[in-house]
ModelCIF file with pLDDT and N, C-alpha, C, O atoms, coordinates in Angstrom:
data_MODEL
#
_entry.id   MODEL 
#
_entity.id                         1 
_entity.type                       polymer 
_entity.pdbx_number_of_molecules   1 
#
_entity_poly.entity_id                      1 
_entity_poly.type                           'polypeptide(L)' 
_entity_poly.nstd_linkage                   no 
_entity_poly.nstd_monomer                   no 
_entity_poly.pdbx_seq_one_letter_code       
;(UNK)(UNK)(UNK)(UNK)(UNK)(UNK)(UNK)(UNK)(UNK)(UNK)(UNK)(UNK)(UNK)(UNK)(UNK)(UNK)
(UNK)(UNK)(UNK)(UNK)(UNK)(UNK)(UNK)(UNK)(UNK)(UNK)(UNK)(UNK)(UNK)(UNK)(UNK)(UNK)
(UNK)(UNK)(UNK)(UNK)(UNK)(UNK)(UNK)(UNK)(UNK)(UNK)(UNK)(UNK)(UNK)(UNK)(UNK)
;
_entity_poly.pdbx_seq_one_letter_code_can   XXXXXXXXXXXXXXXXXXXXXXXXXXXXXXXXXXXXXXXXXXXXXXX 
_entity_poly.pdbx_strand_id                 A 
#
loop_
_entity_poly_seq.entity_id 
_entity_poly_seq.num 
_entity_poly_seq.mon_id 
_entity_poly_seq.hetero 
1 1  UNK n 
1 2  UNK n 
1 3  UNK n 
1 4  UNK n 
1 5  UNK n 
1 6  UNK n 
1 7  UNK n 
1 8  UNK n 
1 9  UNK n 
1 10 UNK n 
1 11 UNK n 
1 12 UNK n 
1 13 UNK n 
1 14 UNK n 
1 15 UNK n 
1 16 UNK n 
1 17 UNK n 
1 18 UNK n 
1 19 UNK n 
1 20 UNK n 
1 21 UNK n 
1 22 UNK n 
1 23 UNK n 
1 24 UNK n 
1 25 UNK n 
1 26 UNK n 
1 27 UNK n 
1 28 UNK n 
1 29 UNK n 
1 30 UNK n 
1 31 UNK n 
1 32 UNK n 
1 33 UNK n 
1 34 UNK n 
1 35 UNK n 
1 36 UNK n 
1 37 UNK n 
1 38 UNK n 
1 39 UNK n 
1 40 UNK n 
1 41 UNK n 
1 42 UNK n 
1 43 UNK n 
1 44 UNK n 
1 45 UNK n 
1 46 UNK n 
1 47 UNK n 
#
_struct_asym.id          A 
_struct_asym.entity_id   1 
#
loop_
_ma_qa_metric.id 
_ma_qa_metric.mode 
_ma_qa_metric.name 
_ma_qa_metric.software_group_id 
_ma_qa_metric.type 
1 global pLDDT . pLDDT 
2 local  pLDDT . pLDDT 
#
_ma_qa_metric_global.metric_id      1 
_ma_qa_metric_global.metric_value   96.13 
_ma_qa_metric_global.model_id       1 
_ma_qa_metric_global.ordinal_id     1 
#
loop_
_ma_qa_metric_local.label_asym_id 
_ma_qa_metric_local.label_comp_id 
_ma_qa_metric_local.label_seq_id 
_ma_qa_metric_local.metric_id 
_ma_qa_metric_local.metric_value 
_ma_qa_metric_local.model_id 
_ma_qa_metric_local.ordinal_id 
A UNK 1  2 98.00 1 1  
A UNK 2  2 98.00 1 2  
A UNK 3  2 98.00 1 3  
A UNK 4  2 98.00 1 4  
A UNK 5  2 98.00 1 5  
A UNK 6  2 97.00 1 6  
A UNK 7  2 97.00 1 7  
A UNK 8  2 93.00 1 8  
A UNK 9  2 92.00 1 9  
A UNK 10 2 91.00 1 10 
A UNK 11 2 91.00 1 11 
A UNK 12 2 92.00 1 12 
A UNK 13 2 90.00 1 13 
A UNK 14 2 90.00 1 14 
A UNK 15 2 94.00 1 15 
A UNK 16 2 96.00 1 16 
A UNK 17 2 97.00 1 17 
A UNK 18 2 97.00 1 18 
A UNK 19 2 98.00 1 19 
A UNK 20 2 98.00 1 20 
A UNK 21 2 98.00 1 21 
A UNK 22 2 98.00 1 22 
A UNK 23 2 96.00 1 23 
A UNK 24 2 91.00 1 24 
A UNK 25 2 93.00 1 25 
A UNK 26 2 96.00 1 26 
A UNK 27 2 97.00 1 27 
A UNK 28 2 97.00 1 28 
A UNK 29 2 97.00 1 29 
A UNK 30 2 98.00 1 30 
A UNK 31 2 98.00 1 31 
A UNK 32 2 98.00 1 32 
A UNK 33 2 98.00 1 33 
A UNK 34 2 98.00 1 34 
A UNK 35 2 97.00 1 35 
A UNK 36 2 95.00 1 36 
A UNK 37 2 96.00 1 37 
A UNK 38 2 95.00 1 38 
A UNK 39 2 97.00 1 39 
A UNK 40 2 98.00 1 40 
A UNK 41 2 97.00 1 41 
A UNK 42 2 98.00 1 42 
A UNK 43 2 98.00 1 43 
A UNK 44 2 98.00 1 44 
A UNK 45 2 97.00 1 45 
A UNK 46 2 98.00 1 46 
A UNK 47 2 98.00 1 47 
#
loop_
_atom_site.group_PDB 
_atom_site.id 
_atom_site.type_symbol 
_atom_site.label_atom_id 
_atom_site.label_alt_id 
_atom_site.label_comp_id 
_atom_site.label_asym_id 
_atom_site.label_entity_id 
_atom_site.label_seq_id 
_atom_site.pdbx_PDB_ins_code 
_atom_site.Cartn_x 
_atom_site.Cartn_y 
_atom_site.Cartn_z 
_atom_site.occupancy 
_atom_site.B_iso_or_equiv 
_atom_site.pdbx_formal_charge 
_atom_site.auth_seq_id 
_atom_site.auth_comp_id 
_atom_site.auth_asym_id 
_atom_site.auth_atom_id 
_atom_site.pdbx_PDB_model_num 
ATOM 1   N N  . UNK A 1 1  ? -24.526 12.753 7.551  1.00 98.00 ? 1  UNK A N  1 
ATOM 2   C CA . UNK A 1 1  ? -23.816 12.826 6.343  1.00 98.00 ? 1  UNK A CA 1 
ATOM 3   C C  . UNK A 1 1  ? -22.939 11.895 6.125  1.00 98.00 ? 1  UNK A C  1 
ATOM 4   O O  . UNK A 1 1  ? -22.388 11.405 7.111  1.00 98.00 ? 1  UNK A O  1 
ATOM 5   N N  . UNK A 1 2  ? -22.633 11.477 4.961  1.00 98.00 ? 2  UNK A N  1 
ATOM 6   C CA . UNK A 1 2  ? -22.301 10.140 5.022  1.00 98.00 ? 2  UNK A CA 1 
ATOM 7   C C  . UNK A 1 2  ? -20.933 9.906  3.966  1.00 98.00 ? 2  UNK A C  1 
ATOM 8   O O  . UNK A 1 2  ? -20.853 9.778  2.745  1.00 98.00 ? 2  UNK A O  1 
ATOM 9   N N  . UNK A 1 3  ? -19.981 9.919  4.997  1.00 98.00 ? 3  UNK A N  1 
ATOM 10  C CA . UNK A 1 3  ? -18.811 9.594  3.929  1.00 98.00 ? 3  UNK A CA 1 
ATOM 11  C C  . UNK A 1 3  ? -19.106 8.173  3.725  1.00 98.00 ? 3  UNK A C  1 
ATOM 12  O O  . UNK A 1 3  ? -19.825 7.280  4.174  1.00 98.00 ? 3  UNK A O  1 
ATOM 13  N N  . UNK A 1 4  ? -17.616 8.528  2.247  1.00 98.00 ? 4  UNK A N  1 
ATOM 14  C CA . UNK A 1 4  ? -17.460 7.283  2.056  1.00 98.00 ? 4  UNK A CA 1 
ATOM 15  C C  . UNK A 1 4  ? -16.477 7.474  1.041  1.00 98.00 ? 4  UNK A C  1 
ATOM 16  O O  . UNK A 1 4  ? -16.316 8.485  0.357  1.00 98.00 ? 4  UNK A O  1 
ATOM 17  N N  . UNK A 1 5  ? -15.766 6.287  1.005  1.00 98.00 ? 5  UNK A N  1 
ATOM 18  C CA . UNK A 1 5  ? -13.910 6.052  0.426  1.00 98.00 ? 5  UNK A CA 1 
ATOM 19  C C  . UNK A 1 5  ? -13.726 4.664  0.156  1.00 98.00 ? 5  UNK A C  1 
ATOM 20  O O  . UNK A 1 5  ? -13.934 3.640  0.806  1.00 98.00 ? 5  UNK A O  1 
ATOM 21  N N  . UNK A 1 6  ? -13.137 4.989  -1.348 1.00 97.00 ? 6  UNK A N  1 
ATOM 22  C CA . UNK A 1 6  ? -12.932 3.750  -2.859 1.00 97.00 ? 6  UNK A CA 1 
ATOM 23  C C  . UNK A 1 6  ? -12.045 3.153  -2.306 1.00 97.00 ? 6  UNK A C  1 
ATOM 24  O O  . UNK A 1 6  ? -11.389 3.954  -1.642 1.00 97.00 ? 6  UNK A O  1 
ATOM 25  N N  . UNK A 1 7  ? -11.593 1.944  -2.210 1.00 97.00 ? 7  UNK A N  1 
ATOM 26  C CA . UNK A 1 7  ? -10.117 1.484  -2.062 1.00 97.00 ? 7  UNK A CA 1 
ATOM 27  C C  . UNK A 1 7  ? -9.583  0.927  -3.290 1.00 97.00 ? 7  UNK A C  1 
ATOM 28  O O  . UNK A 1 7  ? -10.319 0.095  -3.821 1.00 97.00 ? 7  UNK A O  1 
ATOM 29  N N  . UNK A 1 8  ? -8.234  1.234  -4.005 1.00 93.00 ? 8  UNK A N  1 
ATOM 30  C CA . UNK A 1 8  ? -7.526  0.432  -5.226 1.00 93.00 ? 8  UNK A CA 1 
ATOM 31  C C  . UNK A 1 8  ? -6.151  -0.134 -4.971 1.00 93.00 ? 8  UNK A C  1 
ATOM 32  O O  . UNK A 1 8  ? -5.699  0.413  -3.965 1.00 93.00 ? 8  UNK A O  1 
ATOM 33  N N  . UNK A 1 9  ? -5.569  -0.736 -5.319 1.00 92.00 ? 9  UNK A N  1 
ATOM 34  C CA . UNK A 1 9  ? -4.580  -1.503 -5.308 1.00 92.00 ? 9  UNK A CA 1 
ATOM 35  C C  . UNK A 1 9  ? -4.012  -2.301 -4.438 1.00 92.00 ? 9  UNK A C  1 
ATOM 36  O O  . UNK A 1 9  ? -2.826  -2.595 -4.584 1.00 92.00 ? 9  UNK A O  1 
ATOM 37  N N  . UNK A 1 10 ? -4.827  -2.842 -3.273 1.00 91.00 ? 10 UNK A N  1 
ATOM 38  C CA . UNK A 1 10 ? -4.701  -3.900 -2.378 1.00 91.00 ? 10 UNK A CA 1 
ATOM 39  C C  . UNK A 1 10 ? -5.291  -4.437 -2.110 1.00 91.00 ? 10 UNK A C  1 
ATOM 40  O O  . UNK A 1 10 ? -6.367  -4.461 -2.708 1.00 91.00 ? 10 UNK A O  1 
ATOM 41  N N  . UNK A 1 11 ? -5.028  -5.419 -0.838 1.00 91.00 ? 11 UNK A N  1 
ATOM 42  C CA . UNK A 1 11 ? -6.171  -6.443 -0.830 1.00 91.00 ? 11 UNK A CA 1 
ATOM 43  C C  . UNK A 1 11 ? -7.747  -6.087 -0.289 1.00 91.00 ? 11 UNK A C  1 
ATOM 44  O O  . UNK A 1 11 ? -8.042  -7.073 0.386  1.00 91.00 ? 11 UNK A O  1 
ATOM 45  N N  . UNK A 1 12 ? -8.757  -5.258 -0.269 1.00 92.00 ? 12 UNK A N  1 
ATOM 46  C CA . UNK A 1 12 ? -9.001  -4.712 0.844  1.00 92.00 ? 12 UNK A CA 1 
ATOM 47  C C  . UNK A 1 12 ? -9.608  -5.595 2.149  1.00 92.00 ? 12 UNK A C  1 
ATOM 48  O O  . UNK A 1 12 ? -9.263  -5.780 3.316  1.00 92.00 ? 12 UNK A O  1 
ATOM 49  N N  . UNK A 1 13 ? -10.978 -6.138 1.062  1.00 90.00 ? 13 UNK A N  1 
ATOM 50  C CA . UNK A 1 13 ? -11.056 -7.039 2.261  1.00 90.00 ? 13 UNK A CA 1 
ATOM 51  C C  . UNK A 1 13 ? -10.411 -7.999 4.114  1.00 90.00 ? 13 UNK A C  1 
ATOM 52  O O  . UNK A 1 13 ? -10.923 -8.461 5.134  1.00 90.00 ? 13 UNK A O  1 
ATOM 53  N N  . UNK A 1 14 ? -9.301  -7.843 3.620  1.00 90.00 ? 14 UNK A N  1 
ATOM 54  C CA . UNK A 1 14 ? -7.649  -8.242 4.566  1.00 90.00 ? 14 UNK A CA 1 
ATOM 55  C C  . UNK A 1 14 ? -7.939  -6.962 5.236  1.00 90.00 ? 14 UNK A C  1 
ATOM 56  O O  . UNK A 1 14 ? -8.875  -7.012 6.034  1.00 90.00 ? 14 UNK A O  1 
ATOM 57  N N  . UNK A 1 15 ? -7.607  -6.322 5.155  1.00 94.00 ? 15 UNK A N  1 
ATOM 58  C CA . UNK A 1 15 ? -7.119  -5.007 6.302  1.00 94.00 ? 15 UNK A CA 1 
ATOM 59  C C  . UNK A 1 15 ? -7.971  -4.005 6.633  1.00 94.00 ? 15 UNK A C  1 
ATOM 60  O O  . UNK A 1 15 ? -8.838  -3.616 5.851  1.00 94.00 ? 15 UNK A O  1 
ATOM 61  N N  . UNK A 1 16 ? -7.813  -3.553 7.706  1.00 96.00 ? 16 UNK A N  1 
ATOM 62  C CA . UNK A 1 16 ? -7.935  -2.925 8.545  1.00 96.00 ? 16 UNK A CA 1 
ATOM 63  C C  . UNK A 1 16 ? -7.958  -0.712 8.263  1.00 96.00 ? 16 UNK A C  1 
ATOM 64  O O  . UNK A 1 16 ? -7.244  0.214  8.645  1.00 96.00 ? 16 UNK A O  1 
ATOM 65  N N  . UNK A 1 17 ? -9.149  -0.840 7.455  1.00 97.00 ? 17 UNK A N  1 
ATOM 66  C CA . UNK A 1 17 ? -9.468  0.899  7.803  1.00 97.00 ? 17 UNK A CA 1 
ATOM 67  C C  . UNK A 1 17 ? -9.610  2.026  8.918  1.00 97.00 ? 17 UNK A C  1 
ATOM 68  O O  . UNK A 1 17 ? -9.956  1.869  10.089 1.00 97.00 ? 17 UNK A O  1 
ATOM 69  N N  . UNK A 1 18 ? -9.216  3.331  8.191  1.00 97.00 ? 18 UNK A N  1 
ATOM 70  C CA . UNK A 1 18 ? -9.036  3.816  9.766  1.00 97.00 ? 18 UNK A CA 1 
ATOM 71  C C  . UNK A 1 18 ? -10.182 5.788  8.977  1.00 97.00 ? 18 UNK A C  1 
ATOM 72  O O  . UNK A 1 18 ? -9.995  6.161  7.819  1.00 97.00 ? 18 UNK A O  1 
ATOM 73  N N  . UNK A 1 19 ? -11.023 6.466  9.817  1.00 98.00 ? 19 UNK A N  1 
ATOM 74  C CA . UNK A 1 19 ? -11.130 7.607  9.325  1.00 98.00 ? 19 UNK A CA 1 
ATOM 75  C C  . UNK A 1 19 ? -10.104 8.521  10.294 1.00 98.00 ? 19 UNK A C  1 
ATOM 76  O O  . UNK A 1 19 ? -9.516  8.051  11.267 1.00 98.00 ? 19 UNK A O  1 
ATOM 77  N N  . UNK A 1 20 ? -10.021 9.630  9.938  1.00 98.00 ? 20 UNK A N  1 
ATOM 78  C CA . UNK A 1 20 ? -9.411  10.891 11.105 1.00 98.00 ? 20 UNK A CA 1 
ATOM 79  C C  . UNK A 1 20 ? -9.673  11.527 10.957 1.00 98.00 ? 20 UNK A C  1 
ATOM 80  O O  . UNK A 1 20 ? -10.302 11.185 9.956  1.00 98.00 ? 20 UNK A O  1 
ATOM 81  N N  . UNK A 1 21 ? -9.930  12.915 11.074 1.00 98.00 ? 21 UNK A N  1 
ATOM 82  C CA . UNK A 1 21 ? -10.149 14.407 10.586 1.00 98.00 ? 21 UNK A CA 1 
ATOM 83  C C  . UNK A 1 21 ? -8.942  14.603 11.859 1.00 98.00 ? 21 UNK A C  1 
ATOM 84  O O  . UNK A 1 21 ? -8.519  13.896 12.774 1.00 98.00 ? 21 UNK A O  1 
ATOM 85  N N  . UNK A 1 22 ? -8.536  16.669 11.081 1.00 98.00 ? 22 UNK A N  1 
ATOM 86  C CA . UNK A 1 22 ? -8.240  17.745 11.649 1.00 98.00 ? 22 UNK A CA 1 
ATOM 87  C C  . UNK A 1 22 ? -8.739  18.783 11.479 1.00 98.00 ? 22 UNK A C  1 
ATOM 88  O O  . UNK A 1 22 ? -8.876  19.346 10.393 1.00 98.00 ? 22 UNK A O  1 
ATOM 89  N N  . UNK A 1 23 ? -9.145  19.248 12.748 1.00 96.00 ? 23 UNK A N  1 
ATOM 90  C CA . UNK A 1 23 ? -9.904  20.554 12.818 1.00 96.00 ? 23 UNK A CA 1 
ATOM 91  C C  . UNK A 1 23 ? -9.116  21.389 13.186 1.00 96.00 ? 23 UNK A C  1 
ATOM 92  O O  . UNK A 1 23 ? -8.288  21.218 14.081 1.00 96.00 ? 23 UNK A O  1 
ATOM 93  N N  . UNK A 1 24 ? -9.323  22.674 12.361 1.00 91.00 ? 24 UNK A N  1 
ATOM 94  C CA . UNK A 1 24 ? -8.337  24.263 12.767 1.00 91.00 ? 24 UNK A CA 1 
ATOM 95  C C  . UNK A 1 24 ? -7.989  24.585 13.804 1.00 91.00 ? 24 UNK A C  1 
ATOM 96  O O  . UNK A 1 24 ? -8.672  24.972 14.752 1.00 91.00 ? 24 UNK A O  1 
ATOM 97  N N  . UNK A 1 25 ? -5.783  24.324 13.642 1.00 93.00 ? 25 UNK A N  1 
ATOM 98  C CA . UNK A 1 25 ? -5.370  24.528 15.317 1.00 93.00 ? 25 UNK A CA 1 
ATOM 99  C C  . UNK A 1 25 ? -5.175  23.232 15.613 1.00 93.00 ? 25 UNK A C  1 
ATOM 100 O O  . UNK A 1 25 ? -4.284  23.156 16.459 1.00 93.00 ? 25 UNK A O  1 
ATOM 101 N N  . UNK A 1 26 ? -5.677  21.964 15.250 1.00 96.00 ? 26 UNK A N  1 
ATOM 102 C CA . UNK A 1 26 ? -6.319  20.813 15.766 1.00 96.00 ? 26 UNK A CA 1 
ATOM 103 C C  . UNK A 1 26 ? -5.420  19.846 15.725 1.00 96.00 ? 26 UNK A C  1 
ATOM 104 O O  . UNK A 1 26 ? -4.423  20.247 15.126 1.00 96.00 ? 26 UNK A O  1 
ATOM 105 N N  . UNK A 1 27 ? -5.333  18.917 16.036 1.00 97.00 ? 27 UNK A N  1 
ATOM 106 C CA . UNK A 1 27 ? -3.838  17.954 15.393 1.00 97.00 ? 27 UNK A CA 1 
ATOM 107 C C  . UNK A 1 27 ? -5.183  17.063 15.244 1.00 97.00 ? 27 UNK A C  1 
ATOM 108 O O  . UNK A 1 27 ? -6.340  17.002 15.660 1.00 97.00 ? 27 UNK A O  1 
ATOM 109 N N  . UNK A 1 28 ? -3.662  15.978 13.797 1.00 97.00 ? 28 UNK A N  1 
ATOM 110 C CA . UNK A 1 28 ? -5.814  14.731 13.566 1.00 97.00 ? 28 UNK A CA 1 
ATOM 111 C C  . UNK A 1 28 ? -5.756  13.982 14.226 1.00 97.00 ? 28 UNK A C  1 
ATOM 112 O O  . UNK A 1 28 ? -4.782  13.552 14.843 1.00 97.00 ? 28 UNK A O  1 
ATOM 113 N N  . UNK A 1 29 ? -7.007  13.612 14.227 1.00 97.00 ? 29 UNK A N  1 
ATOM 114 C CA . UNK A 1 29 ? -7.462  12.649 15.304 1.00 97.00 ? 29 UNK A CA 1 
ATOM 115 C C  . UNK A 1 29 ? -8.083  11.887 14.889 1.00 97.00 ? 29 UNK A C  1 
ATOM 116 O O  . UNK A 1 29 ? -8.618  12.171 13.818 1.00 97.00 ? 29 UNK A O  1 
ATOM 117 N N  . UNK A 1 30 ? -8.325  10.681 15.416 1.00 98.00 ? 30 UNK A N  1 
ATOM 118 C CA . UNK A 1 30 ? -8.191  9.031  14.850 1.00 98.00 ? 30 UNK A CA 1 
ATOM 119 C C  . UNK A 1 30 ? -10.016 9.360  15.694 1.00 98.00 ? 30 UNK A C  1 
ATOM 120 O O  . UNK A 1 30 ? -10.315 9.853  16.782 1.00 98.00 ? 30 UNK A O  1 
ATOM 121 N N  . UNK A 1 31 ? -11.009 8.711  14.364 1.00 98.00 ? 31 UNK A N  1 
ATOM 122 C CA . UNK A 1 31 ? -12.181 8.952  14.663 1.00 98.00 ? 31 UNK A CA 1 
ATOM 123 C C  . UNK A 1 31 ? -12.951 7.704  15.343 1.00 98.00 ? 31 UNK A C  1 
ATOM 124 O O  . UNK A 1 31 ? -13.685 7.324  16.255 1.00 98.00 ? 31 UNK A O  1 
ATOM 125 N N  . UNK A 1 32 ? -12.048 7.288  13.933 1.00 98.00 ? 32 UNK A N  1 
ATOM 126 C CA . UNK A 1 32 ? -12.798 5.253  13.847 1.00 98.00 ? 32 UNK A CA 1 
ATOM 127 C C  . UNK A 1 32 ? -12.406 4.542  12.891 1.00 98.00 ? 32 UNK A C  1 
ATOM 128 O O  . UNK A 1 32 ? -12.229 5.013  11.768 1.00 98.00 ? 32 UNK A O  1 
ATOM 129 N N  . UNK A 1 33 ? -12.127 2.772  13.316 1.00 98.00 ? 33 UNK A N  1 
ATOM 130 C CA . UNK A 1 33 ? -11.496 2.352  13.438 1.00 98.00 ? 33 UNK A CA 1 
ATOM 131 C C  . UNK A 1 33 ? -12.512 1.312  12.673 1.00 98.00 ? 33 UNK A C  1 
ATOM 132 O O  . UNK A 1 33 ? -13.722 1.498  12.804 1.00 98.00 ? 33 UNK A O  1 
ATOM 133 N N  . UNK A 1 34 ? -11.948 0.025  11.733 1.00 98.00 ? 34 UNK A N  1 
ATOM 134 C CA . UNK A 1 34 ? -13.321 -1.035 11.186 1.00 98.00 ? 34 UNK A CA 1 
ATOM 135 C C  . UNK A 1 34 ? -11.965 -2.150 10.763 1.00 98.00 ? 34 UNK A C  1 
ATOM 136 O O  . UNK A 1 34 ? -10.996 -1.681 10.166 1.00 98.00 ? 34 UNK A O  1 
ATOM 137 N N  . UNK A 1 35 ? -11.991 -3.020 10.977 1.00 97.00 ? 35 UNK A N  1 
ATOM 138 C CA . UNK A 1 35 ? -10.992 -4.260 10.963 1.00 97.00 ? 35 UNK A CA 1 
ATOM 139 C C  . UNK A 1 35 ? -11.058 -5.073 10.047 1.00 97.00 ? 35 UNK A C  1 
ATOM 140 O O  . UNK A 1 35 ? -12.165 -4.891 9.539  1.00 97.00 ? 35 UNK A O  1 
ATOM 141 N N  . UNK A 1 36 ? -10.859 -5.379 9.845  1.00 95.00 ? 36 UNK A N  1 
ATOM 142 C CA . UNK A 1 36 ? -11.111 -6.883 8.741  1.00 95.00 ? 36 UNK A CA 1 
ATOM 143 C C  . UNK A 1 36 ? -12.160 -7.612 9.020  1.00 95.00 ? 36 UNK A C  1 
ATOM 144 O O  . UNK A 1 36 ? -12.958 -7.830 8.108  1.00 95.00 ? 36 UNK A O  1 
ATOM 145 N N  . UNK A 1 37 ? -12.422 -8.207 10.460 1.00 96.00 ? 37 UNK A N  1 
ATOM 146 C CA . UNK A 1 37 ? -13.384 -8.659 10.403 1.00 96.00 ? 37 UNK A CA 1 
ATOM 147 C C  . UNK A 1 37 ? -14.671 -7.804 11.475 1.00 96.00 ? 37 UNK A C  1 
ATOM 148 O O  . UNK A 1 37 ? -15.427 -8.095 12.402 1.00 96.00 ? 37 UNK A O  1 
ATOM 149 N N  . UNK A 1 38 ? -14.404 -6.925 10.858 1.00 95.00 ? 38 UNK A N  1 
ATOM 150 C CA . UNK A 1 38 ? -15.545 -6.000 10.933 1.00 95.00 ? 38 UNK A CA 1 
ATOM 151 C C  . UNK A 1 38 ? -16.080 -5.776 12.288 1.00 95.00 ? 38 UNK A C  1 
ATOM 152 O O  . UNK A 1 38 ? -17.284 -5.740 12.545 1.00 95.00 ? 38 UNK A O  1 
ATOM 153 N N  . UNK A 1 39 ? -14.582 -5.542 13.632 1.00 97.00 ? 39 UNK A N  1 
ATOM 154 C CA . UNK A 1 39 ? -15.215 -5.237 14.765 1.00 97.00 ? 39 UNK A CA 1 
ATOM 155 C C  . UNK A 1 39 ? -14.671 -3.596 14.354 1.00 97.00 ? 39 UNK A C  1 
ATOM 156 O O  . UNK A 1 39 ? -13.828 -3.458 13.468 1.00 97.00 ? 39 UNK A O  1 
ATOM 157 N N  . UNK A 1 40 ? -15.159 -2.570 14.983 1.00 98.00 ? 40 UNK A N  1 
ATOM 158 C CA . UNK A 1 40 ? -15.158 -1.627 14.642 1.00 98.00 ? 40 UNK A CA 1 
ATOM 159 C C  . UNK A 1 40 ? -15.144 -0.855 16.848 1.00 98.00 ? 40 UNK A C  1 
ATOM 160 O O  . UNK A 1 40 ? -15.652 -1.090 17.945 1.00 98.00 ? 40 UNK A O  1 
ATOM 161 N N  . UNK A 1 41 ? -13.916 0.327  15.976 1.00 97.00 ? 41 UNK A N  1 
ATOM 162 C CA . UNK A 1 41 ? -13.705 1.079  17.614 1.00 97.00 ? 41 UNK A CA 1 
ATOM 163 C C  . UNK A 1 41 ? -13.634 2.813  17.320 1.00 97.00 ? 41 UNK A C  1 
ATOM 164 O O  . UNK A 1 41 ? -12.984 3.254  16.372 1.00 97.00 ? 41 UNK A O  1 
ATOM 165 N N  . UNK A 1 42 ? -14.540 3.878  18.450 1.00 98.00 ? 42 UNK A N  1 
ATOM 166 C CA . UNK A 1 42 ? -14.639 4.974  18.216 1.00 98.00 ? 42 UNK A CA 1 
ATOM 167 C C  . UNK A 1 42 ? -13.450 5.963  19.103 1.00 98.00 ? 42 UNK A C  1 
ATOM 168 O O  . UNK A 1 42 ? -12.573 5.572  19.874 1.00 98.00 ? 42 UNK A O  1 
ATOM 169 N N  . UNK A 1 43 ? -13.660 6.832  18.838 1.00 98.00 ? 43 UNK A N  1 
ATOM 170 C CA . UNK A 1 43 ? -12.843 7.568  19.637 1.00 98.00 ? 43 UNK A CA 1 
ATOM 171 C C  . UNK A 1 43 ? -14.724 8.680  20.721 1.00 98.00 ? 43 UNK A C  1 
ATOM 172 O O  . UNK A 1 43 ? -15.918 8.765  20.438 1.00 98.00 ? 43 UNK A O  1 
ATOM 173 N N  . UNK A 1 44 ? -13.809 9.245  21.926 1.00 98.00 ? 44 UNK A N  1 
ATOM 174 C CA . UNK A 1 44 ? -15.534 9.148  22.929 1.00 98.00 ? 44 UNK A CA 1 
ATOM 175 C C  . UNK A 1 44 ? -16.101 10.088 21.587 1.00 98.00 ? 44 UNK A C  1 
ATOM 176 O O  . UNK A 1 44 ? -17.118 9.990  20.901 1.00 98.00 ? 44 UNK A O  1 
ATOM 177 N N  . UNK A 1 45 ? -15.198 10.828 21.566 1.00 97.00 ? 45 UNK A N  1 
ATOM 178 C CA . UNK A 1 45 ? -16.686 12.141 21.319 1.00 97.00 ? 45 UNK A CA 1 
ATOM 179 C C  . UNK A 1 45 ? -17.861 11.789 20.823 1.00 97.00 ? 45 UNK A C  1 
ATOM 180 O O  . UNK A 1 45 ? -18.943 11.980 21.379 1.00 97.00 ? 45 UNK A O  1 
ATOM 181 N N  . UNK A 1 46 ? -17.542 10.848 18.919 1.00 98.00 ? 46 UNK A N  1 
ATOM 182 C CA . UNK A 1 46 ? -18.276 10.081 18.450 1.00 98.00 ? 46 UNK A CA 1 
ATOM 183 C C  . UNK A 1 46 ? -19.201 9.343  18.452 1.00 98.00 ? 46 UNK A C  1 
ATOM 184 O O  . UNK A 1 46 ? -20.198 9.310  17.732 1.00 98.00 ? 46 UNK A O  1 
ATOM 185 N N  . UNK A 1 47 ? -18.657 8.279  19.867 1.00 98.00 ? 47 UNK A N  1 
ATOM 186 C CA . UNK A 1 47 ? -19.332 7.036  20.367 1.00 98.00 ? 47 UNK A CA 1 
ATOM 187 C C  . UNK A 1 47 ? -21.350 7.508  19.549 1.00 98.00 ? 47 UNK A C  1 
ATOM 188 O O  . UNK A 1 47 ? -22.285 6.727  19.723 1.00 98.00 ? 47 UNK A O  1 
#
């Protein structure tokens, strides 16, 4: 699957963006991050 997220009202290109997820009964967790320079990191379970 592919998820998309369209941003407005901010200077998008200079900002880091993240994806989180929350499963039933669990805390929200950080899944992936991409910085303005396109560096990325992931939670181990999705690498």
